[in-house]
C-alpha atoms as a PDB file:
ATOM      1  CA  MET A   1     120.753 130.879  41.187  1.00  0.00           C
ATOM      2  CA  GLN A   2     117.799 131.884  43.339  1.00  0.00           C
ATOM      3  CA  GLY A   3     115.387 130.315  40.857  1.00  0.00           C
ATOM      4  CA  LEU A   4     117.458 127.131  40.928  1.00  0.00           C
ATOM      5  CA  ARG A   5     117.565 127.043  44.742  1.00  0.00           C
ATOM      6  CA  ASP A   6     113.812 127.567  45.075  1.00  0.00           C
ATOM      7  CA  THR A   7     113.226 124.692  42.634  1.00  0.00           C
ATOM      8  CA  ILE A   8     115.305 122.114  44.543  1.00  0.00           C
ATOM      9  CA  PRO A   9     112.355 120.663  46.550  1.00  0.00           C
ATOM     10  CA  LEU A  10     110.453 120.197  43.280  1.00  0.00           C
ATOM     11  CA  LEU A  11     113.454 118.527  41.659  1.00  0.00           C
ATOM     12  CA  ILE A  12     113.274 115.853  44.341  1.00  0.00           C
ATOM     13  CA  GLY A  13     109.584 115.292  43.588  1.00  0.00           C
ATOM     14  CA  ALA A  14     110.279 114.957  39.858  1.00  0.00           C
ATOM     15  CA  LEU A  15     113.123 112.476  40.437  1.00  0.00           C
ATOM     16  CA  PRO A  16     111.063 109.253  40.625  1.00  0.00           C
ATOM     17  CA  PHE A  17     108.701 110.534  37.939  1.00  0.00           C
ATOM     18  CA  GLY A  18     111.566 110.860  35.454  1.00  0.00           C
ATOM     19  CA  MET A  19     112.952 107.459  36.395  1.00  0.00           C
ATOM     20  CA  ILE A  20     109.594 105.783  35.892  1.00  0.00           C
ATOM     21  CA  PHE A  21     109.187 107.371  32.479  1.00  0.00           C
ATOM     22  CA  GLY A  22     112.581 106.088  31.372  1.00  0.00           C
ATOM     23  CA  ALA A  23     111.735 102.587  32.573  1.00  0.00           C
ATOM     24  CA  LEU A  24     108.191 102.698  31.194  1.00  0.00           C
ATOM     25  CA  ALA A  25     109.430 103.776  27.772  1.00  0.00           C
ATOM     26  CA  VAL A  26     111.635 100.678  27.606  1.00  0.00           C
ATOM     27  CA  THR A  27     108.755  98.373  28.499  1.00  0.00           C
ATOM     28  CA  ASN A  28     106.666 100.010  25.739  1.00  0.00           C
ATOM     29  CA  LYS A  29     109.319  99.170  23.150  1.00  0.00           C
ATOM     30  CA  LEU A  30     110.686 102.686  22.656  1.00  0.00           C
ATOM     31  CA  SER A  31     114.342 102.694  21.681  1.00  0.00           C
ATOM     32  CA  ALA A  32     116.942 104.307  23.927  1.00  0.00           C
ATOM     33  CA  GLY A  33     117.444 107.087  21.394  1.00  0.00           C
ATOM     34  CA  ALA A  34     113.707 107.768  21.095  1.00  0.00           C
ATOM     35  CA  THR A  35     113.303 107.830  24.878  1.00  0.00           C
ATOM     36  CA  ILE A  36     116.130 110.306  25.399  1.00  0.00           C
ATOM     37  CA  ALA A  37     114.914 112.472  22.511  1.00  0.00           C
ATOM     38  CA  PHE A  38     111.385 112.347  23.960  1.00  0.00           C
ATOM     39  CA  SER A  39     112.480 113.995  27.203  1.00  0.00           C
ATOM     40  CA  ALA A  40     114.885 116.370  25.470  1.00  0.00           C
ATOM     41  CA  VAL A  41     112.483 117.602  22.792  1.00  0.00           C
ATOM     42  CA  VAL A  42     108.999 117.193  24.302  1.00  0.00           C
ATOM     43  CA  PHE A  43     109.854 117.829  27.972  1.00  0.00           C
ATOM     44  CA  ALA A  44     106.326 117.333  29.319  1.00  0.00           C
ATOM     45  CA  GLY A  45     106.026 114.631  31.957  1.00  0.00           C
ATOM     46  CA  SER A  46     102.349 113.696  31.957  1.00  0.00           C
ATOM     47  CA  SER A  47     101.988 113.745  28.180  1.00  0.00           C
ATOM     48  CA  GLN A  48     105.170 111.694  27.792  1.00  0.00           C
ATOM     49  CA  PHE A  49     103.676 108.978  29.996  1.00  0.00           C
ATOM     50  CA  ILE A  50     100.466 108.980  27.999  1.00  0.00           C
ATOM     51  CA  ALA A  51     102.257 108.971  24.656  1.00  0.00           C
ATOM     52  CA  ALA A  52     104.580 106.137  25.706  1.00  0.00           C
ATOM     53  CA  ASN A  53     101.610 104.005  26.728  1.00  0.00           C
ATOM     54  CA  LEU A  54      99.806 104.808  23.472  1.00  0.00           C
ATOM     55  CA  VAL A  55     102.894 103.853  21.470  1.00  0.00           C
ATOM     56  CA  GLY A  56     103.079 100.578  23.389  1.00  0.00           C
ATOM     57  CA  ALA A  57      99.404  99.935  22.625  1.00  0.00           C
ATOM     58  CA  GLY A  58      99.979 100.540  18.917  1.00  0.00           C
ATOM     59  CA  ALA A  59      97.922 103.747  18.716  1.00  0.00           C
ATOM     60  CA  GLY A  60      98.061 105.886  15.588  1.00  0.00           C
ATOM     61  CA  PHE A  61     100.072 109.084  15.211  1.00  0.00           C
ATOM     62  CA  VAL A  62      97.026 111.367  15.064  1.00  0.00           C
ATOM     63  CA  LEU A  63      95.547 109.973  18.292  1.00  0.00           C
ATOM     64  CA  ILE A  64      98.858 110.361  20.118  1.00  0.00           C
ATOM     65  CA  VAL A  65      99.277 113.980  18.985  1.00  0.00           C
ATOM     66  CA  PHE A  66      95.657 114.884  19.808  1.00  0.00           C
ATOM     67  CA  THR A  67      95.785 113.305  23.272  1.00  0.00           C
ATOM     68  CA  THR A  68      99.034 114.987  24.274  1.00  0.00           C
ATOM     69  CA  PHE A  69      97.748 118.279  22.869  1.00  0.00           C
ATOM     70  CA  ILE A  70      94.701 118.131  25.146  1.00  0.00           C
ATOM     71  CA  VAL A  71      96.847 117.324  28.182  1.00  0.00           C
ATOM     72  CA  ASN A  72      99.187 120.245  27.527  1.00  0.00           C
ATOM     73  CA  VAL A  73      96.593 122.917  26.730  1.00  0.00           C
ATOM     74  CA  ARG A  74      96.932 124.015  30.366  1.00  0.00           C
ATOM     75  CA  HIS A  75     100.264 125.562  29.418  1.00  0.00           C
ATOM     76  CA  ALA A  76      98.361 128.218  27.477  1.00  0.00           C
ATOM     77  CA  LEU A  77      96.869 129.315  30.812  1.00  0.00           C
ATOM     78  CA  TYR A  78     100.318 129.368  32.378  1.00  0.00           C
ATOM     79  CA  SER A  79     101.684 131.498  29.566  1.00  0.00           C
ATOM     80  CA  ALA A  80      98.759 133.910  29.764  1.00  0.00           C
ATOM     81  CA  THR A  81      99.478 134.406  33.471  1.00  0.00           C
ATOM     82  CA  LEU A  82     103.193 135.034  33.005  1.00  0.00           C
ATOM     83  CA  GLY A  83     102.796 136.984  29.755  1.00  0.00           C
ATOM     84  CA  PRO A  84     102.306 140.452  31.278  1.00  0.00           C
ATOM     85  CA  HIS A  85     105.595 140.088  33.147  1.00  0.00           C
ATOM     86  CA  LEU A  86     107.503 138.987  30.053  1.00  0.00           C
ATOM     87  CA  LYS A  87     105.984 141.068  27.254  1.00  0.00           C
ATOM     88  CA  HIS A  88     109.002 143.387  27.147  1.00  0.00           C
ATOM     89  CA  LEU A  89     111.343 140.512  26.273  1.00  0.00           C
ATOM     90  CA  PRO A  90     112.494 139.703  22.705  1.00  0.00           C
ATOM     91  CA  GLN A  91     111.683 136.400  20.998  1.00  0.00           C
ATOM     92  CA  ARG A  92     115.117 134.983  21.823  1.00  0.00           C
ATOM     93  CA  TRP A  93     113.940 134.967  25.448  1.00  0.00           C
ATOM     94  CA  LEU A  94     110.269 134.123  25.016  1.00  0.00           C
ATOM     95  CA  ILE A  95     110.784 131.015  22.877  1.00  0.00           C
ATOM     96  CA  PRO A  96     113.135 129.128  25.250  1.00  0.00           C
ATOM     97  CA  LEU A  97     111.195 130.235  28.335  1.00  0.00           C
ATOM     98  CA  GLY A  98     108.018 128.969  26.697  1.00  0.00           C
ATOM     99  CA  PHE A  99     109.605 125.659  25.785  1.00  0.00           C
ATOM    100  CA  TRP A 100     111.013 125.112  29.276  1.00  0.00           C
ATOM    101  CA  LEU A 101     107.809 126.105  31.107  1.00  0.00           C
ATOM    102  CA  THR A 102     106.601 123.330  33.428  1.00  0.00           C
ATOM    103  CA  ASP A 103     104.000 123.119  36.176  1.00  0.00           C
ATOM    104  CA  GLU A 104     106.657 123.423  38.879  1.00  0.00           C
ATOM    105  CA  THR A 105     108.491 126.349  37.293  1.00  0.00           C
ATOM    106  CA  PHE A 106     105.205 128.125  36.649  1.00  0.00           C
ATOM    107  CA  VAL A 107     104.124 128.018  40.289  1.00  0.00           C
ATOM    108  CA  ILE A 108     107.334 129.318  41.832  1.00  0.00           C
ATOM    109  CA  THR A 109     107.881 131.832  39.025  1.00  0.00           C
ATOM    110  CA  ALA A 110     104.360 133.263  39.206  1.00  0.00           C
ATOM    111  CA  THR A 111     104.786 133.723  42.957  1.00  0.00           C
ATOM    112  CA  HIS A 112     108.179 135.374  42.465  1.00  0.00           C
ATOM    113  CA  TYR A 113     106.892 137.695  39.734  1.00  0.00           C
ATOM    114  CA  GLU A 114     104.147 138.968  42.041  1.00  0.00           C
ATOM    115  CA  ARG A 115     106.748 139.994  44.631  1.00  0.00           C
ATOM    116  CA  SER A 116     109.604 141.198  42.442  1.00  0.00           C
ATOM    117  CA  THR A 117     109.846 144.525  40.626  1.00  0.00           C
ATOM    118  CA  SER A 118     113.243 143.812  39.102  1.00  0.00           C
ATOM    119  CA  PRO A 119     113.471 144.215  35.299  1.00  0.00           C
ATOM    120  CA  TYR A 120     115.702 141.121  35.308  1.00  0.00           C
ATOM    121  CA  LYS A 121     113.344 138.766  37.114  1.00  0.00           C
ATOM    122  CA  HIS A 122     113.050 136.564  34.015  1.00  0.00           C
ATOM    123  CA  TRP A 123     116.502 135.235  34.925  1.00  0.00           C
ATOM    124  CA  TYR A 124     114.817 133.662  37.959  1.00  0.00           C
ATOM    125  CA  GLN A 125     112.540 131.699  35.634  1.00  0.00           C
ATOM    126  CA  LEU A 126     115.508 130.713  33.491  1.00  0.00           C
ATOM    127  CA  GLY A 127     117.322 129.285  36.530  1.00  0.00           C
ATOM    128  CA  SER A 128     114.299 127.231  37.542  1.00  0.00           C
ATOM    129  CA  SER A 129     113.675 126.072  33.982  1.00  0.00           C
ATOM    130  CA  ILE A 130     117.205 124.851  33.347  1.00  0.00           C
ATOM    131  CA  ALA A 131     117.261 123.039  36.689  1.00  0.00           C
ATOM    132  CA  MET A 132     114.008 121.219  35.883  1.00  0.00           C
ATOM    133  CA  TYR A 133     115.146 120.385  32.352  1.00  0.00           C
ATOM    134  CA  LEU A 134     118.506 118.902  33.353  1.00  0.00           C
ATOM    135  CA  ASN A 135     116.940 117.039  36.265  1.00  0.00           C
ATOM    136  CA  TRP A 136     114.218 115.491  34.103  1.00  0.00           C
ATOM    137  CA  ASN A 137     116.584 114.379  31.376  1.00  0.00           C
ATOM    138  CA  PHE A 138     119.141 112.961  33.817  1.00  0.00           C
ATOM    139  CA  TRP A 139     116.581 110.795  35.618  1.00  0.00           C
ATOM    140  CA  THR A 140     115.050 109.714  32.324  1.00  0.00           C
ATOM    141  CA  ILE A 141     118.424 108.251  31.385  1.00  0.00           C
ATOM    142  CA  VAL A 142     118.759 106.602  34.812  1.00  0.00           C
ATOM    143  CA  GLY A 143     115.298 105.066  34.389  1.00  0.00           C
ATOM    144  CA  LEU A 144     116.186 103.978  30.885  1.00  0.00           C
ATOM    145  CA  VAL A 145     119.218 102.098  32.142  1.00  0.00           C
ATOM    146  CA  ALA A 146     117.310 100.612  35.074  1.00  0.00           C
ATOM    147  CA  GLY A 147     114.331  99.729  32.894  1.00  0.00           C
ATOM    148  CA  SER A 148     116.004  96.646  31.554  1.00  0.00           C
ATOM    149  CA  GLN A 149     116.176  95.344  35.124  1.00  0.00           C
ATOM    150  CA  ILE A 150     112.616  96.274  36.132  1.00  0.00           C
ATOM    151  CA  LYS A 151     109.829  94.275  34.477  1.00  0.00           C
ATOM    152  CA  ASN A 152     106.969  96.364  35.831  1.00  0.00           C
ATOM    153  CA  PRO A 153     108.189  99.823  36.937  1.00  0.00           C
ATOM    154  CA  GLU A 154     104.707 101.022  37.887  1.00  0.00           C
ATOM    155  CA  GLN A 155     104.402  98.396  40.640  1.00  0.00           C
ATOM    156  CA  TRP A 156     106.704 100.461  42.860  1.00  0.00           C
ATOM    157  CA  GLY A 157     104.101 103.204  43.149  1.00  0.00           C
ATOM    158  CA  LEU A 158     106.693 105.935  42.689  1.00  0.00           C
ATOM    159  CA  GLN A 159     104.378 107.773  40.304  1.00  0.00           C
ATOM    160  CA  TYR A 160     102.492 109.049  43.340  1.00  0.00           C
ATOM    161  CA  ALA A 161     105.502 111.130  44.320  1.00  0.00           C
ATOM    162  CA  MET A 162     104.506 113.638  41.648  1.00  0.00           C
ATOM    163  CA  VAL A 163     100.933 113.760  42.937  1.00  0.00           C
ATOM    164  CA  VAL A 164     102.242 114.593  46.409  1.00  0.00           C
ATOM    165  CA  THR A 165     104.558 117.198  44.868  1.00  0.00           C
ATOM    166  CA  PHE A 166     101.647 118.931  43.138  1.00  0.00           C
ATOM    167  CA  VAL A 167      99.654 118.973  46.357  1.00  0.00           C
ATOM    168  CA  GLY A 168     102.651 120.630  48.005  1.00  0.00           C
ATOM    169  CA  ILE A 169     102.805 123.148  45.162  1.00  0.00           C
ATOM    170  CA  VAL A 170      99.143 124.120  45.237  1.00  0.00           C
ATOM    171  CA  VAL A 171      98.343 124.275  48.958  1.00  0.00           C
ATOM    172  CA  PRO A 172     100.749 127.131  49.888  1.00  0.00           C
ATOM    173  CA  THR A 173      99.287 129.302  47.110  1.00  0.00           C
ATOM    174  CA  ILE A 174      95.763 129.189  48.568  1.00  0.00           C
ATOM    175  CA  LYS A 175      95.793 132.492  50.415  1.00  0.00           C
ATOM    176  CA  SER A 176      92.356 133.921  49.650  1.00  0.00           C
ATOM    177  CA  ARG A 177      88.730 132.858  49.379  1.00  0.00           C
ATOM    178  CA  PRO A 178      88.593 133.090  45.554  1.00  0.00           C
ATOM    179  CA  LEU A 179      91.644 130.827  45.282  1.00  0.00           C
ATOM    180  CA  LEU A 180      90.150 128.333  47.714  1.00  0.00           C
ATOM    181  CA  ILE A 181      86.860 128.275  45.805  1.00  0.00           C
ATOM    182  CA  ALA A 182      88.729 127.860  42.513  1.00  0.00           C
ATOM    183  CA  VAL A 183      90.710 124.894  43.850  1.00  0.00           C
ATOM    184  CA  ILE A 184      87.640 123.164  45.312  1.00  0.00           C
ATOM    185  CA  ALA A 185      85.559 123.734  42.177  1.00  0.00           C
ATOM    186  CA  ALA A 186      88.327 122.485  39.884  1.00  0.00           C
ATOM    187  CA  GLY A 187      89.017 119.443  42.059  1.00  0.00           C
ATOM    188  CA  VAL A 188      85.396 118.336  42.299  1.00  0.00           C
ATOM    189  CA  THR A 189      84.812 118.991  38.607  1.00  0.00           C
ATOM    190  CA  ALA A 190      87.923 117.007  37.629  1.00  0.00           C
ATOM    191  CA  ALA A 191      86.774 113.965  39.599  1.00  0.00           C
ATOM    192  CA  VAL A 192      83.210 114.065  38.300  1.00  0.00           C
ATOM    193  CA  ALA A 193      84.156 114.852  34.686  1.00  0.00           C
ATOM    194  CA  TYR A 194      86.735 112.069  34.563  1.00  0.00           C
ATOM    195  CA  TYR A 195      84.213 109.363  35.436  1.00  0.00           C
ATOM    196  CA  ILE A 196      81.542 110.814  33.150  1.00  0.00           C
ATOM    197  CA  LEU A 197      83.974 110.872  30.224  1.00  0.00           C
ATOM    198  CA  LEU A 198      85.172 107.382  31.104  1.00  0.00           C
ATOM    199  CA  SER A 199      81.640 105.998  31.117  1.00  0.00           C
ATOM    200  CA  THR A 200      80.753 107.667  27.820  1.00  0.00           C
ATOM    201  CA  GLY A 201      83.882 106.552  26.000  1.00  0.00           C
ATOM    202  CA  LEU A 202      85.089 110.104  25.326  1.00  0.00           C
ATOM    203  CA  PRO A 203      88.776 111.055  25.793  1.00  0.00           C
ATOM    204  CA  THR A 204      89.208 111.158  29.575  1.00  0.00           C
ATOM    205  CA  ASN A 205      91.946 113.781  29.381  1.00  0.00           C
ATOM    206  CA  LEU A 206      89.302 116.359  28.481  1.00  0.00           C
ATOM    207  CA  TYR A 207      88.549 116.530  32.197  1.00  0.00           C
ATOM    208  CA  LEU A 208      91.635 118.731  32.571  1.00  0.00           C
ATOM    209  CA  LEU A 209      90.186 121.409  30.317  1.00  0.00           C
ATOM    210  CA  ILE A 210      86.732 121.177  31.873  1.00  0.00           C
ATOM    211  CA  ALA A 211      88.104 121.412  35.415  1.00  0.00           C
ATOM    212  CA  ALA A 212      90.360 124.332  34.517  1.00  0.00           C
ATOM    213  CA  GLY A 213      87.467 126.239  32.970  1.00  0.00           C
ATOM    214  CA  VAL A 214      85.176 125.657  35.941  1.00  0.00           C
ATOM    215  CA  GLY A 215      87.925 126.550  38.412  1.00  0.00           C
ATOM    216  CA  ILE A 216      88.706 129.819  36.641  1.00  0.00           C
ATOM    217  CA  ALA A 217      85.028 130.737  36.398  1.00  0.00           C
ATOM    218  CA  ALA A 218      84.397 129.953  40.069  1.00  0.00           C
ATOM    219  CA  GLY A 219      87.441 131.926  41.219  1.00  0.00           C
ATOM    220  CA  TYR A 220      86.563 134.900  39.016  1.00  0.00           C
ATOM    221  CA  PHE A 221      82.932 134.905  40.171  1.00  0.00           C
ATOM    222  CA  THR A 222      83.957 134.746  43.830  1.00  0.00           C
ATOM    223  CA  GLU A 223      86.517 137.532  43.434  1.00  0.00           C
ATOM    224  CA  THR A 224      83.998 139.750  41.641  1.00  0.00           C
ATOM    225  CA  LYS A 225      81.342 139.259  44.298  1.00  0.00           C
ATOM    226  CA  GLN A 226      83.937 139.875  47.011  1.00  0.00           C
ATOM    227  CA  LYS A 227      84.913 143.202  45.466  1.00  0.00           C
ATOM    228  CA  GLU A 228      81.240 144.164  45.255  1.00  0.00           C
ATOM    229  CA  GLY A 229      80.916 143.458  48.975  1.00  0.00           C
ATOM    230  CA  GLN A 230      78.454 140.628  48.477  1.00  0.00           C
ATOM    231  CA  LEU A 231      80.738 138.023  50.063  1.00  0.00           C
END
């Protein structure tokens, strides 16, 4: 219940995002069944948007899978961070927690794990995960129903609600110099890499991996120098 309560502000941020996906899927000729199954089985907001647009554009299966794979590689970093706290759990716990892991649940769970010494703290993650999952699927259905009435769902600009939500997620976690350096380095790299990839015709979603790598390296370097007393 505590994990669910702490996730409520993030549920509100995901609300318009889920609605827009449901509506966008309709405009890209996905059936109602495919749209609902998409959110229920894939459960990955950003990659669902990309995949829906690629389906609408007539892209091939391999391109869709590769693109969504690149977007979701960041979840490997999330899992590596949470792994030490969950390594004592059996597979019947690890598999569903891995499937339900989202950006929002990762942030509040990682923060909770750092503070909690309880051997049952994985229940906190479960509460957050289930809340996010039900919320996302409910608003996908609402967007699906409303999609037939909205010709251009993106014109409402509701997709920026998720951007604001992520800003709200990240800022409170910046409590040290290495974290600040990591955020700045990743942000600048993401912006620069995106436009370089765009101009060269390479998959623009690679900027996520590049930015993550640079951010991690910058944070690690800063933390190491700080421990050595050089900063």
